[in-house]
């Protein structure tokens, strides 16, 4: 079986964790890491793999797929940069994750170990589910959302674009979270969250409005 060659976008600590779990995927072969901010890292190695400067991967693009390793929802700029160069993106679920055959994952989605995506749920492009995230049935999560470890989203929820949900937060059934909202770690969301709002607590309450995506 020909393995898919994967370029990891980013070189920070999360990139190392994602690389480690991609090594568990028999259909994938990590090629290296790609840096676009600190050119001094070019030519170094990370976990035994080379670090490439972003402008130097052009020859590798036709036979490679990318995956972004940034938790920030502002990863849009990096994804758009390499997409303009012609790099296509992988959609990856770790072998220990369970993704329903009736769920839909967009381009560039990353489903980490021990996560669950239930039936009839839809994830947009470049959604990042960190370790142990649970997604209920008929839930929609729009592009570039980040769900940190242990997040639990109930059924029939609607999560907007570039939403950031902190570790261990819980979202109850049929909740709408607006674009660019930030949900604090450990929060219990029991009512709709307006766009670009930050909510914290049990139950979660708005503590800030007009926030920038995290």
C-alpha atoms as a PDB file:
ATOM      1  CA  UNK A   1       0.000   0.000   0.000  1.00  0.00           C
ATOM      2  CA  UNK A   2       1.350   3.428  -0.973  1.00  0.00           C
ATOM      3  CA  UNK A   3       1.386   5.640   2.082  1.00  0.00           C
ATOM      4  CA  UNK A   4       0.207   9.242   1.976  1.00  0.00           C
ATOM      5  CA  UNK A   5       3.108  11.627   2.554  1.00  0.00           C
ATOM      6  CA  UNK A   6       2.234  14.202   5.200  1.00  0.00           C
ATOM      7  CA  UNK A   7       3.776  17.626   5.763  1.00  0.00           C
ATOM      8  CA  UNK A   8       2.978  19.046   9.210  1.00  0.00           C
ATOM      9  CA  UNK A   9       2.430  22.802   9.237  1.00  0.00           C
ATOM     10  CA  UNK A  10       4.002  24.147  12.401  1.00  0.00           C
ATOM     11  CA  UNK A  11       6.900  23.315  14.698  1.00  0.00           C
ATOM     12  CA  UNK A  12       5.629  23.995  18.224  1.00  0.00           C
ATOM     13  CA  UNK A  13       4.935  21.450  20.948  1.00  0.00           C
ATOM     14  CA  UNK A  14       1.481  20.552  19.604  1.00  0.00           C
ATOM     15  CA  UNK A  15       3.126  19.674  16.282  1.00  0.00           C
ATOM     16  CA  UNK A  16       5.209  17.071  18.105  1.00  0.00           C
ATOM     17  CA  UNK A  17       2.122  15.531  19.701  1.00  0.00           C
ATOM     18  CA  UNK A  18       0.280  15.397  16.392  1.00  0.00           C
ATOM     19  CA  UNK A  19       3.314  13.867  14.693  1.00  0.00           C
ATOM     20  CA  UNK A  20       3.403  11.194  17.378  1.00  0.00           C
ATOM     21  CA  UNK A  21      -0.186  10.158  16.783  1.00  0.00           C
ATOM     22  CA  UNK A  22       0.167  10.275  12.976  1.00  0.00           C
ATOM     23  CA  UNK A  23       2.865   7.639  13.370  1.00  0.00           C
ATOM     24  CA  UNK A  24       0.079   5.329  14.600  1.00  0.00           C
ATOM     25  CA  UNK A  25      -1.757   5.655  11.269  1.00  0.00           C
ATOM     26  CA  UNK A  26      -0.500   2.884   8.951  1.00  0.00           C
ATOM     27  CA  UNK A  27      -1.675   4.672   5.807  1.00  0.00           C
ATOM     28  CA  UNK A  28       0.408   7.796   6.542  1.00  0.00           C
ATOM     29  CA  UNK A  29       4.100   8.658   6.317  1.00  0.00           C
ATOM     30  CA  UNK A  30       5.350  11.855   7.956  1.00  0.00           C
ATOM     31  CA  UNK A  31       7.708  13.722   5.614  1.00  0.00           C
ATOM     32  CA  UNK A  32       8.636  16.625   7.857  1.00  0.00           C
ATOM     33  CA  UNK A  33       7.579  19.877   9.495  1.00  0.00           C
ATOM     34  CA  UNK A  34       7.041  23.198   7.715  1.00  0.00           C
ATOM     35  CA  UNK A  35       7.912  26.537   9.348  1.00  0.00           C
ATOM     36  CA  UNK A  36       6.676  29.925   8.079  1.00  0.00           C
ATOM     37  CA  UNK A  37       7.747  32.345  10.820  1.00  0.00           C
ATOM     38  CA  UNK A  38      11.228  31.542  12.135  1.00  0.00           C
ATOM     39  CA  UNK A  39      13.571  30.826   9.254  1.00  0.00           C
ATOM     40  CA  UNK A  40      16.399  29.972  11.654  1.00  0.00           C
ATOM     41  CA  UNK A  41      14.702  26.601  12.196  1.00  0.00           C
ATOM     42  CA  UNK A  42      15.228  25.652   8.554  1.00  0.00           C
ATOM     43  CA  UNK A  43      17.495  22.611   8.266  1.00  0.00           C
ATOM     44  CA  UNK A  44      17.024  21.523  11.875  1.00  0.00           C
ATOM     45  CA  UNK A  45      15.124  18.395  12.878  1.00  0.00           C
ATOM     46  CA  UNK A  46      12.166  17.701  15.146  1.00  0.00           C
ATOM     47  CA  UNK A  47      11.485  14.166  16.380  1.00  0.00           C
ATOM     48  CA  UNK A  48      13.968  13.024  13.772  1.00  0.00           C
ATOM     49  CA  UNK A  49      12.129  14.682  10.862  1.00  0.00           C
ATOM     50  CA  UNK A  50      13.475  17.646   8.863  1.00  0.00           C
ATOM     51  CA  UNK A  51      12.133  21.170   9.251  1.00  0.00           C
ATOM     52  CA  UNK A  52      11.519  22.912   5.921  1.00  0.00           C
ATOM     53  CA  UNK A  53      11.064  26.595   5.257  1.00  0.00           C
ATOM     54  CA  UNK A  54       7.642  27.142   3.684  1.00  0.00           C
ATOM     55  CA  UNK A  55       8.973  28.538   0.393  1.00  0.00           C
ATOM     56  CA  UNK A  56      11.150  25.469  -0.114  1.00  0.00           C
ATOM     57  CA  UNK A  57       8.418  22.818  -0.198  1.00  0.00           C
ATOM     58  CA  UNK A  58       7.213  23.555  -3.729  1.00  0.00           C
ATOM     59  CA  UNK A  59       8.907  20.518  -5.255  1.00  0.00           C
ATOM     60  CA  UNK A  60       7.267  18.291  -2.612  1.00  0.00           C
ATOM     61  CA  UNK A  61       3.739  19.612  -3.082  1.00  0.00           C
ATOM     62  CA  UNK A  62       2.610  17.354  -5.963  1.00  0.00           C
ATOM     63  CA  UNK A  63       3.190  14.183  -3.923  1.00  0.00           C
ATOM     64  CA  UNK A  64       2.333  15.495  -0.431  1.00  0.00           C
ATOM     65  CA  UNK A  65      -0.656  16.373   1.712  1.00  0.00           C
ATOM     66  CA  UNK A  66      -0.631  18.900   4.526  1.00  0.00           C
ATOM     67  CA  UNK A  67      -2.147  18.994   7.993  1.00  0.00           C
ATOM     68  CA  UNK A  68      -2.075  22.088  10.200  1.00  0.00           C
ATOM     69  CA  UNK A  69      -0.763  21.601  13.740  1.00  0.00           C
ATOM     70  CA  UNK A  70      -1.830  24.947  15.221  1.00  0.00           C
ATOM     71  CA  UNK A  71      -4.569  25.073  17.853  1.00  0.00           C
ATOM     72  CA  UNK A  72      -5.279  28.749  17.277  1.00  0.00           C
ATOM     73  CA  UNK A  73      -8.307  29.359  15.068  1.00  0.00           C
ATOM     74  CA  UNK A  74      -6.142  31.973  13.311  1.00  0.00           C
ATOM     75  CA  UNK A  75      -4.479  29.069  11.481  1.00  0.00           C
ATOM     76  CA  UNK A  76      -6.550  30.273   8.538  1.00  0.00           C
ATOM     77  CA  UNK A  77      -3.663  32.448   7.336  1.00  0.00           C
ATOM     78  CA  UNK A  78      -1.147  29.577   7.294  1.00  0.00           C
ATOM     79  CA  UNK A  79      -3.589  27.216   5.589  1.00  0.00           C
ATOM     80  CA  UNK A  80      -4.403  29.824   2.957  1.00  0.00           C
ATOM     81  CA  UNK A  81      -0.698  30.534   2.391  1.00  0.00           C
ATOM     82  CA  UNK A  82       0.205  26.949   1.518  1.00  0.00           C
ATOM     83  CA  UNK A  83      -3.082  26.301  -0.295  1.00  0.00           C
ATOM     84  CA  UNK A  84      -2.170  29.166  -2.636  1.00  0.00           C
ATOM     85  CA  UNK A  85       1.060  27.273  -3.358  1.00  0.00           C
ATOM     86  CA  UNK A  86      -1.005  24.254  -4.418  1.00  0.00           C
ATOM     87  CA  UNK A  87      -0.699  22.056  -1.336  1.00  0.00           C
ATOM     88  CA  UNK A  88      -3.706  19.821  -0.758  1.00  0.00           C
ATOM     89  CA  UNK A  89      -4.792  18.759   2.727  1.00  0.00           C
ATOM     90  CA  UNK A  90      -5.356  15.425   4.425  1.00  0.00           C
ATOM     91  CA  UNK A  91      -8.376  14.586   6.574  1.00  0.00           C
ATOM     92  CA  UNK A  92      -7.176  12.402   9.438  1.00  0.00           C
ATOM     93  CA  UNK A  93      -8.767  10.427  12.266  1.00  0.00           C
ATOM     94  CA  UNK A  94      -6.571   8.513  14.704  1.00  0.00           C
ATOM     95  CA  UNK A  95      -7.185   4.733  14.808  1.00  0.00           C
ATOM     96  CA  UNK A  96      -8.559   5.008  18.356  1.00  0.00           C
ATOM     97  CA  UNK A  97     -11.107   7.665  17.324  1.00  0.00           C
ATOM     98  CA  UNK A  98     -14.590   6.591  16.321  1.00  0.00           C
ATOM     99  CA  UNK A  99     -16.109   8.521  13.399  1.00  0.00           C
ATOM    100  CA  UNK A 100     -19.577   7.440  12.348  1.00  0.00           C
ATOM    101  CA  UNK A 101     -19.948   6.336   8.737  1.00  0.00           C
ATOM    102  CA  UNK A 102     -22.848   8.799   8.655  1.00  0.00           C
ATOM    103  CA  UNK A 103     -20.701  11.732   9.739  1.00  0.00           C
ATOM    104  CA  UNK A 104     -18.973  14.102   7.309  1.00  0.00           C
ATOM    105  CA  UNK A 105     -15.459  15.475   7.849  1.00  0.00           C
ATOM    106  CA  UNK A 106     -14.260  18.437   5.815  1.00  0.00           C
ATOM    107  CA  UNK A 107     -10.876  18.877   4.199  1.00  0.00           C
ATOM    108  CA  UNK A 108      -8.012  19.212   6.669  1.00  0.00           C
ATOM    109  CA  UNK A 109      -9.966  17.973   9.696  1.00  0.00           C
ATOM    110  CA  UNK A 110      -7.920  16.371  12.438  1.00  0.00           C
ATOM    111  CA  UNK A 111      -9.635  13.974  14.868  1.00  0.00           C
ATOM    112  CA  UNK A 112      -7.294  13.107  17.728  1.00  0.00           C
ATOM    113  CA  UNK A 113      -7.022   9.887  19.769  1.00  0.00           C
ATOM    114  CA  UNK A 114     -10.055   8.659  21.730  1.00  0.00           C
ATOM    115  CA  UNK A 115     -12.427  11.187  20.168  1.00  0.00           C
ATOM    116  CA  UNK A 116     -15.953  10.416  18.952  1.00  0.00           C
ATOM    117  CA  UNK A 117     -17.920  11.949  16.077  1.00  0.00           C
ATOM    118  CA  UNK A 118     -21.493  10.667  16.160  1.00  0.00           C
ATOM    119  CA  UNK A 119     -23.974   9.946  13.394  1.00  0.00           C
ATOM    120  CA  UNK A 120     -25.147  12.700  11.049  1.00  0.00           C
ATOM    121  CA  UNK A 121     -22.678  15.254  12.402  1.00  0.00           C
ATOM    122  CA  UNK A 122     -20.809  17.517   9.996  1.00  0.00           C
ATOM    123  CA  UNK A 123     -17.374  19.058  10.538  1.00  0.00           C
ATOM    124  CA  UNK A 124     -16.262  21.881   8.259  1.00  0.00           C
ATOM    125  CA  UNK A 125     -12.781  22.323   6.820  1.00  0.00           C
ATOM    126  CA  UNK A 126      -9.731  22.352   9.114  1.00  0.00           C
ATOM    127  CA  UNK A 127     -11.640  21.621  12.326  1.00  0.00           C
ATOM    128  CA  UNK A 128      -9.324  20.407  15.096  1.00  0.00           C
ATOM    129  CA  UNK A 129     -10.613  17.950  17.697  1.00  0.00           C
ATOM    130  CA  UNK A 130      -8.013  17.469  20.401  1.00  0.00           C
ATOM    131  CA  UNK A 131      -7.758  14.350  22.611  1.00  0.00           C
ATOM    132  CA  UNK A 132     -10.951  12.759  23.854  1.00  0.00           C
ATOM    133  CA  UNK A 133     -13.461  15.166  22.293  1.00  0.00           C
ATOM    134  CA  UNK A 134     -17.059  13.902  22.073  1.00  0.00           C
ATOM    135  CA  UNK A 135     -19.382  15.186  19.334  1.00  0.00           C
ATOM    136  CA  UNK A 136     -23.071  14.266  19.574  1.00  0.00           C
ATOM    137  CA  UNK A 137     -25.423  13.344  16.755  1.00  0.00           C
ATOM    138  CA  UNK A 138     -26.696  15.886  14.195  1.00  0.00           C
ATOM    139  CA  UNK A 139     -24.204  18.512  15.351  1.00  0.00           C
ATOM    140  CA  UNK A 140     -22.531  20.897  12.936  1.00  0.00           C
ATOM    141  CA  UNK A 141     -19.093  22.407  13.578  1.00  0.00           C
ATOM    142  CA  UNK A 142     -17.987  25.053  11.095  1.00  0.00           C
ATOM    143  CA  UNK A 143     -14.531  25.533   9.625  1.00  0.00           C
ATOM    144  CA  UNK A 144     -11.428  26.328  11.701  1.00  0.00           C
ATOM    145  CA  UNK A 145     -13.077  25.579  15.037  1.00  0.00           C
ATOM    146  CA  UNK A 146     -10.824  24.215  17.803  1.00  0.00           C
ATOM    147  CA  UNK A 147     -12.123  21.882  20.503  1.00  0.00           C
ATOM    148  CA  UNK A 148      -9.574  21.222  23.227  1.00  0.00           C
ATOM    149  CA  UNK A 149      -9.131  17.957  25.207  1.00  0.00           C
ATOM    150  CA  UNK A 150     -12.218  16.493  26.837  1.00  0.00           C
ATOM    151  CA  UNK A 151     -14.792  18.825  25.283  1.00  0.00           C
ATOM    152  CA  UNK A 152     -18.293  17.266  25.188  1.00  0.00           C
ATOM    153  CA  UNK A 153     -20.760  18.612  22.617  1.00  0.00           C
ATOM    154  CA  UNK A 154     -24.293  17.231  22.872  1.00  0.00           C
ATOM    155  CA  UNK A 155     -26.638  16.472  19.971  1.00  0.00           C
ATOM    156  CA  UNK A 156     -28.132  18.905  17.461  1.00  0.00           C
ATOM    157  CA  UNK A 157     -25.717  21.742  18.279  1.00  0.00           C
ATOM    158  CA  UNK A 158     -24.456  24.368  15.825  1.00  0.00           C
ATOM    159  CA  UNK A 159     -20.891  25.557  16.391  1.00  0.00           C
ATOM    160  CA  UNK A 160     -19.753  28.519  14.291  1.00  0.00           C
ATOM    161  CA  UNK A 161     -16.615  29.316  12.341  1.00  0.00           C
ATOM    162  CA  UNK A 162     -13.380  29.885  14.318  1.00  0.00           C
ATOM    163  CA  UNK A 163     -14.976  28.983  17.635  1.00  0.00           C
ATOM    164  CA  UNK A 164     -12.483  28.043  20.373  1.00  0.00           C
ATOM    165  CA  UNK A 165     -13.755  25.706  23.111  1.00  0.00           C
ATOM    166  CA  UNK A 166     -11.451  25.196  26.090  1.00  0.00           C
ATOM    167  CA  UNK A 167     -10.514  21.953  27.802  1.00  0.00           C
ATOM    168  CA  UNK A 168     -13.300  20.027  29.482  1.00  0.00           C
ATOM    169  CA  UNK A 169     -16.137  22.362  28.484  1.00  0.00           C
ATOM    170  CA  UNK A 170     -19.635  20.894  28.011  1.00  0.00           C
ATOM    171  CA  UNK A 171     -22.253  22.171  25.565  1.00  0.00           C
ATOM    172  CA  UNK A 172     -25.829  20.981  26.108  1.00  0.00           C
ATOM    173  CA  UNK A 173     -28.283  19.901  23.396  1.00  0.00           C
ATOM    174  CA  UNK A 174     -29.458  22.249  20.640  1.00  0.00           C
ATOM    175  CA  UNK A 175     -27.121  25.099  21.540  1.00  0.00           C
ATOM    176  CA  UNK A 176     -25.886  27.589  18.934  1.00  0.00           C
ATOM    177  CA  UNK A 177     -22.414  29.075  19.418  1.00  0.00           C
ATOM    178  CA  UNK A 178     -21.746  32.045  17.168  1.00  0.00           C
ATOM    179  CA  UNK A 179     -18.727  32.616  14.945  1.00  0.00           C
ATOM    180  CA  UNK A 180     -15.501  33.515  16.718  1.00  0.00           C
ATOM    181  CA  UNK A 181     -16.821  32.813  20.217  1.00  0.00           C
ATOM    182  CA  UNK A 182     -14.529  31.589  22.994  1.00  0.00           C
ATOM    183  CA  UNK A 183     -15.734  29.067  25.590  1.00  0.00           C
ATOM    184  CA  UNK A 184     -13.613  28.899  28.725  1.00  0.00           C
ATOM    185  CA  UNK A 185     -12.169  25.641  30.036  1.00  0.00           C
ATOM    186  CA  UNK A 186     -14.580  23.654  32.204  1.00  0.00           C
ATOM    187  CA  UNK A 187     -17.586  25.787  31.311  1.00  0.00           C
ATOM    188  CA  UNK A 188     -21.131  24.432  31.066  1.00  0.00           C
ATOM    189  CA  UNK A 189     -22.936  26.052  28.133  1.00  0.00           C
ATOM    190  CA  UNK A 190     -26.712  25.812  28.582  1.00  0.00           C
ATOM    191  CA  UNK A 191     -27.863  28.635  26.308  1.00  0.00           C
ATOM    192  CA  UNK A 192     -26.855  30.147  22.972  1.00  0.00           C
ATOM    193  CA  UNK A 193     -23.606  32.120  22.781  1.00  0.00           C
ATOM    194  CA  UNK A 194     -23.490  35.273  20.606  1.00  0.00           C
ATOM    195  CA  UNK A 195     -20.755  35.640  17.976  1.00  0.00           C
ATOM    196  CA  UNK A 196     -17.380  36.924  19.219  1.00  0.00           C
ATOM    197  CA  UNK A 197     -18.347  36.529  22.863  1.00  0.00           C
ATOM    198  CA  UNK A 198     -16.285  34.964  25.641  1.00  0.00           C
ATOM    199  CA  UNK A 199     -18.200  32.860  28.139  1.00  0.00           C
ATOM    200  CA  UNK A 200     -16.987  31.279  31.378  1.00  0.00           C
ATOM    201  CA  UNK A 201     -18.376  29.337  34.303  1.00  0.00           C
ATOM    202  CA  UNK A 202     -21.018  26.838  35.392  1.00  0.00           C
ATOM    203  CA  UNK A 203     -23.376  27.782  33.933  1.00  0.00           C
ATOM    204  CA  UNK A 204     -21.442  29.798  31.373  1.00  0.00           C
ATOM    205  CA  UNK A 205     -22.005  33.555  31.295  1.00  0.00           C
ATOM    206  CA  UNK A 206     -20.792  36.214  28.900  1.00  0.00           C
ATOM    207  CA  UNK A 207     -17.763  37.967  30.390  1.00  0.00           C
ATOM    208  CA  UNK A 208     -16.553  39.781  27.304  1.00  0.00           C
ATOM    209  CA  UNK A 209     -17.932  40.837  23.928  1.00  0.00           C
ATOM    210  CA  UNK A 210     -16.369  41.748  20.576  1.00  0.00           C
ATOM    211  CA  UNK A 211     -13.436  39.423  21.227  1.00  0.00           C
ATOM    212  CA  UNK A 212     -10.965  38.538  18.508  1.00  0.00           C
ATOM    213  CA  UNK A 213     -10.692  34.862  17.474  1.00  0.00           C
ATOM    214  CA  UNK A 214      -8.273  32.956  19.655  1.00  0.00           C
END
